[in-house]
Protein backbone atom coordinates (compact mmCIF):
# COMPACT_ATOMS: atom_id res chain seq x y z
CA UNK A 1 156.40 -26.95 150.92
CA UNK A 2 159.60 -25.88 149.19
CA UNK A 3 161.76 -27.16 152.09
CA UNK A 4 159.87 -30.47 152.13
CA UNK A 5 160.30 -30.84 148.40
CA UNK A 6 164.00 -30.11 148.62
CA UNK A 7 164.40 -32.64 151.44
CA UNK A 8 162.53 -35.26 149.43
CA UNK A 9 164.62 -34.61 146.33
CA UNK A 10 167.84 -34.78 148.38
CA UNK A 11 166.76 -38.09 149.93
CA UNK A 12 165.95 -39.53 146.52
CA UNK A 13 169.27 -38.34 145.14
CA UNK A 14 171.15 -39.87 148.08
CA UNK A 15 169.28 -43.15 147.70
CA UNK A 16 169.90 -43.25 143.95
CA UNK A 17 173.58 -42.47 144.48
CA UNK A 18 173.83 -45.28 147.05
CA UNK A 19 172.19 -47.75 144.63
CA UNK A 20 174.42 -46.65 141.74
CA UNK A 21 177.56 -46.94 143.88
CA UNK A 22 176.47 -50.39 145.13
CA UNK A 23 175.81 -51.87 141.67
CA UNK A 24 179.51 -52.43 140.83
CA UNK A 25 180.07 -53.98 144.27
CA UNK A 26 177.05 -56.23 143.76
CA UNK A 27 178.28 -57.55 140.42
CA UNK A 28 181.82 -57.94 141.79
CA UNK A 29 180.44 -60.02 144.67
CA UNK A 30 178.33 -62.12 142.29
CA UNK A 31 181.38 -62.82 140.12
CA UNK A 32 183.42 -63.88 143.19
CA UNK A 33 180.56 -66.10 144.36
CA UNK A 34 180.09 -67.77 140.96
CA UNK A 35 183.84 -68.35 140.72
CA UNK A 36 183.75 -69.91 144.19
CA UNK A 37 180.97 -72.34 143.25
CA UNK A 38 182.80 -73.33 140.05
CA UNK A 39 186.10 -73.93 141.86
CA UNK A 40 184.32 -75.79 144.68
CA UNK A 41 182.54 -78.11 142.22
CA UNK A 42 185.80 -78.87 140.40
CA UNK A 43 187.63 -79.61 143.65
CA UNK A 44 184.74 -81.82 144.80
CA UNK A 45 185.03 -83.95 141.68
CA UNK A 46 188.81 -84.15 142.14
CA UNK A 47 188.38 -85.37 145.73
CA UNK A 48 185.83 -87.98 144.63
CA UNK A 49 188.15 -89.23 141.90
CA UNK A 50 191.08 -89.44 144.34
CA UNK A 51 188.96 -91.45 146.80
CA UNK A 52 187.86 -93.76 143.97
CA UNK A 53 191.44 -94.15 142.73
CA UNK A 54 192.54 -95.13 146.24
CA UNK A 55 189.62 -97.62 146.37
CA UNK A 56 188.61 -96.27 149.76
CA UNK A 57 184.95 -97.21 149.30
CA UNK A 58 185.82 -100.83 148.48
CA UNK A 59 188.00 -100.96 151.61
CA UNK A 60 185.18 -99.54 153.73
CA UNK A 61 182.67 -102.03 152.32
CA UNK A 62 185.13 -104.83 153.04
CA UNK A 63 185.15 -103.86 156.70
CA UNK A 64 181.37 -103.28 156.81
CA UNK A 65 181.64 -99.57 157.57
CA UNK A 66 178.06 -98.20 157.54
CA UNK A 67 177.11 -95.82 154.74
CA UNK A 68 173.92 -94.35 153.34
CA UNK A 69 172.58 -94.21 149.80
CA UNK A 70 174.85 -93.42 146.87
CA UNK A 71 174.59 -89.66 147.34
CA UNK A 72 175.38 -90.09 151.06
CA UNK A 73 178.38 -92.40 150.76
CA UNK A 74 181.64 -91.50 152.47
CA UNK A 75 183.27 -90.21 149.28
CA UNK A 76 180.46 -87.72 148.68
CA UNK A 77 180.34 -86.71 152.34
CA UNK A 78 184.07 -85.91 152.48
CA UNK A 79 183.99 -84.20 149.08
CA UNK A 80 180.96 -82.13 150.09
CA UNK A 81 182.73 -80.93 153.24
CA UNK A 82 185.69 -79.82 151.11
CA UNK A 83 183.29 -78.17 148.64
CA UNK A 84 181.58 -76.09 151.31
CA UNK A 85 184.94 -75.17 152.83
CA UNK A 86 185.93 -73.60 149.49
CA UNK A 87 182.52 -71.96 149.01
CA UNK A 88 182.79 -70.28 152.41
CA UNK A 89 186.31 -69.09 151.55
CA UNK A 90 184.80 -67.27 148.55
CA UNK A 91 181.71 -66.16 150.49
CA UNK A 92 183.84 -64.19 152.95
CA UNK A 93 185.26 -61.71 150.36
CA UNK A 94 181.80 -61.58 148.73
CA UNK A 95 180.18 -60.46 151.99
CA UNK A 96 183.07 -58.05 152.55
CA UNK A 97 182.57 -56.46 149.11
CA UNK A 98 178.85 -56.14 149.82
CA UNK A 99 179.60 -54.42 153.13
CA UNK A 100 178.21 -57.12 155.45
CA UNK A 101 180.73 -57.31 158.33
CA UNK A 102 178.45 -59.36 160.61
CA UNK A 103 178.07 -62.05 157.92
CA UNK A 104 181.86 -62.06 157.49
CA UNK A 105 182.26 -62.72 161.23
CA UNK A 106 179.77 -65.61 161.12
CA UNK A 107 181.42 -67.13 158.04
CA UNK A 108 184.87 -66.88 159.62
CA UNK A 109 183.58 -68.74 162.68
CA UNK A 110 181.99 -71.42 160.50
CA UNK A 111 185.15 -71.67 158.40
CA UNK A 112 187.18 -72.41 161.52
CA UNK A 113 184.63 -75.07 162.56
CA UNK A 114 184.52 -76.99 159.25
CA UNK A 115 187.92 -78.71 159.79
CA UNK A 116 186.44 -80.23 162.95
CA UNK A 117 183.70 -81.80 160.82
CA UNK A 118 186.30 -83.19 158.40
CA UNK A 119 188.42 -84.60 161.25
CA UNK A 120 185.29 -86.09 162.85
CA UNK A 121 184.48 -87.85 159.55
CA UNK A 122 188.02 -89.26 159.39
CA UNK A 123 187.75 -90.44 163.02
CA UNK A 124 184.49 -92.16 162.10
CA UNK A 125 186.03 -93.89 159.08
CA UNK A 126 189.13 -95.11 160.92
CA UNK A 127 187.16 -96.00 164.04
CA UNK A 128 184.54 -98.10 162.24
CA UNK A 129 187.25 -99.92 160.28
CA UNK A 130 189.15 -100.60 163.52
CA UNK A 131 185.95 -101.85 165.17
CA UNK A 132 185.40 -104.38 162.37
CA UNK A 133 189.07 -105.42 162.49
CA UNK A 134 188.79 -105.96 166.25
CA UNK A 135 185.69 -108.08 165.63
CA UNK A 136 187.53 -110.26 163.10
CA UNK A 137 190.59 -110.56 165.35
CA UNK A 138 188.53 -111.54 168.39
CA UNK A 139 186.54 -114.01 166.29
CA UNK A 140 189.74 -115.63 165.02
CA UNK A 141 191.52 -115.65 168.39
CA UNK A 142 188.57 -117.31 170.17
CA UNK A 143 187.95 -119.83 167.41
CA UNK A 144 188.68 -122.75 169.73
CA UNK A 145 185.76 -122.02 172.08
CA UNK A 146 182.08 -122.39 171.27
CA UNK A 147 180.71 -120.45 168.30
CA UNK A 148 178.13 -118.51 170.31
CA UNK A 149 180.65 -117.48 172.97
CA UNK A 150 183.16 -116.45 170.32
CA UNK A 151 180.61 -114.30 168.49
CA UNK A 152 179.43 -112.75 171.75
CA UNK A 153 182.95 -111.71 172.75
CA UNK A 154 183.69 -110.40 169.24
CA UNK A 155 180.40 -108.47 169.02
CA UNK A 156 180.92 -106.99 172.48
CA UNK A 157 184.40 -105.79 171.45
CA UNK A 158 183.08 -104.29 168.22
CA UNK A 159 180.22 -102.41 169.86
CA UNK A 160 182.42 -101.16 172.70
CA UNK A 161 184.85 -99.65 170.17
CA UNK A 162 181.96 -98.26 168.12
CA UNK A 163 180.55 -96.47 171.17
CA UNK A 164 183.97 -94.99 171.95
CA UNK A 165 184.28 -93.84 168.30
CA UNK A 166 180.88 -92.13 168.43
CA UNK A 167 181.84 -90.38 171.67
CA UNK A 168 185.15 -89.30 170.09
CA UNK A 169 183.26 -87.87 167.09
CA UNK A 170 180.91 -85.91 169.35
CA UNK A 171 183.87 -84.61 171.32
CA UNK A 172 185.62 -83.49 168.12
CA UNK A 173 182.47 -81.70 167.00
CA UNK A 174 182.17 -80.03 170.40
CA UNK A 175 178.60 -81.29 170.77
CA UNK A 176 177.58 -81.08 174.43
CA UNK A 177 181.01 -81.88 175.85
CA UNK A 178 179.62 -82.28 179.36
CA UNK A 179 176.95 -84.66 178.09
CA UNK A 180 179.58 -86.72 176.26
CA UNK A 181 181.64 -87.04 179.44
CA UNK A 182 178.54 -88.16 181.35
CA UNK A 183 177.70 -90.71 178.65
CA UNK A 184 181.28 -92.00 178.66
CA UNK A 185 181.26 -92.36 182.44
CA UNK A 186 177.86 -94.04 182.31
CA UNK A 187 178.99 -96.45 179.60
CA UNK A 188 182.08 -97.50 181.57
CA UNK A 189 179.99 -97.86 184.73
CA UNK A 190 177.44 -99.96 182.82
CA UNK A 191 180.18 -102.30 181.60
CA UNK A 192 181.59 -102.63 185.11
CA UNK A 193 178.19 -103.31 186.67
CA UNK A 194 177.17 -105.72 183.90
CA UNK A 195 180.46 -107.58 184.25
CA UNK A 196 180.09 -107.74 188.02
CA UNK A 197 176.56 -109.10 187.77
CA UNK A 198 177.55 -111.62 185.10
CA UNK A 199 180.49 -112.96 187.06
CA UNK A 200 179.00 -112.62 190.52
CA UNK A 201 175.31 -113.48 190.22
CA UNK A 202 173.10 -114.83 187.46
CA UNK A 203 175.82 -115.44 184.89
CA UNK A 204 178.23 -117.12 187.27
CA UNK A 205 178.05 -120.56 185.65
CA UNK A 206 178.20 -119.15 182.13
CA UNK A 207 181.11 -116.89 183.03
CA UNK A 208 182.88 -119.85 184.58
CA UNK A 209 182.37 -121.82 181.38
CA UNK A 210 183.77 -118.98 179.26
CA UNK A 211 186.85 -118.68 181.50
CA UNK A 212 187.43 -122.44 181.37
CA UNK A 213 187.14 -122.50 177.60
CA UNK A 214 189.54 -119.59 177.21
CA UNK A 215 191.93 -121.24 179.68
CA UNK A 216 191.85 -124.48 177.67
CA UNK A 217 192.43 -122.53 174.47
CA UNK A 218 195.49 -120.81 175.89
CA UNK A 219 197.09 -124.06 177.06
């Protein structure tokens, strides 16, 4: 019984010593984490103010770039990505202080991935703006032909660019790269087949009319 008691006392002493030695590390990690959240929130507000000062949202609305509710607008999305980037930067030393090497590895991997999300968001912004610009340009350049034909050509151009932008975003995010390549190939094949059918079969007369109208416009 004496040996068991001594073993139990030793285990309790070791456990208490481990808890006592961990307490300073715990509070140090909490301080780092709180500091990270404070800095991240400040930087988020700075990013939002910069975007507002540059009138990016007004520009995006002008070109009909899709956006969600107020909390999911592009300014908040970009600022939130930056915020989490900073939080993770502070989470890494926090996990290191707490002695969690596996969490540090995961956070480092996620930290390296976040720039891809930011770049994907920028690609989406620029791509959607370009799609709307292409729509306006095609609408203006085909103004001399019938209204329906002009809108059809412009809409087709816009949606084609939009699809390419979405595929580019998925590629940047590394989401099912093989699937994206298959979708891209399928989309191009669909356009080729649809064009062949339109010009060769059922839409022959309509296609002929479009070509004649464009030819007259170019003269």
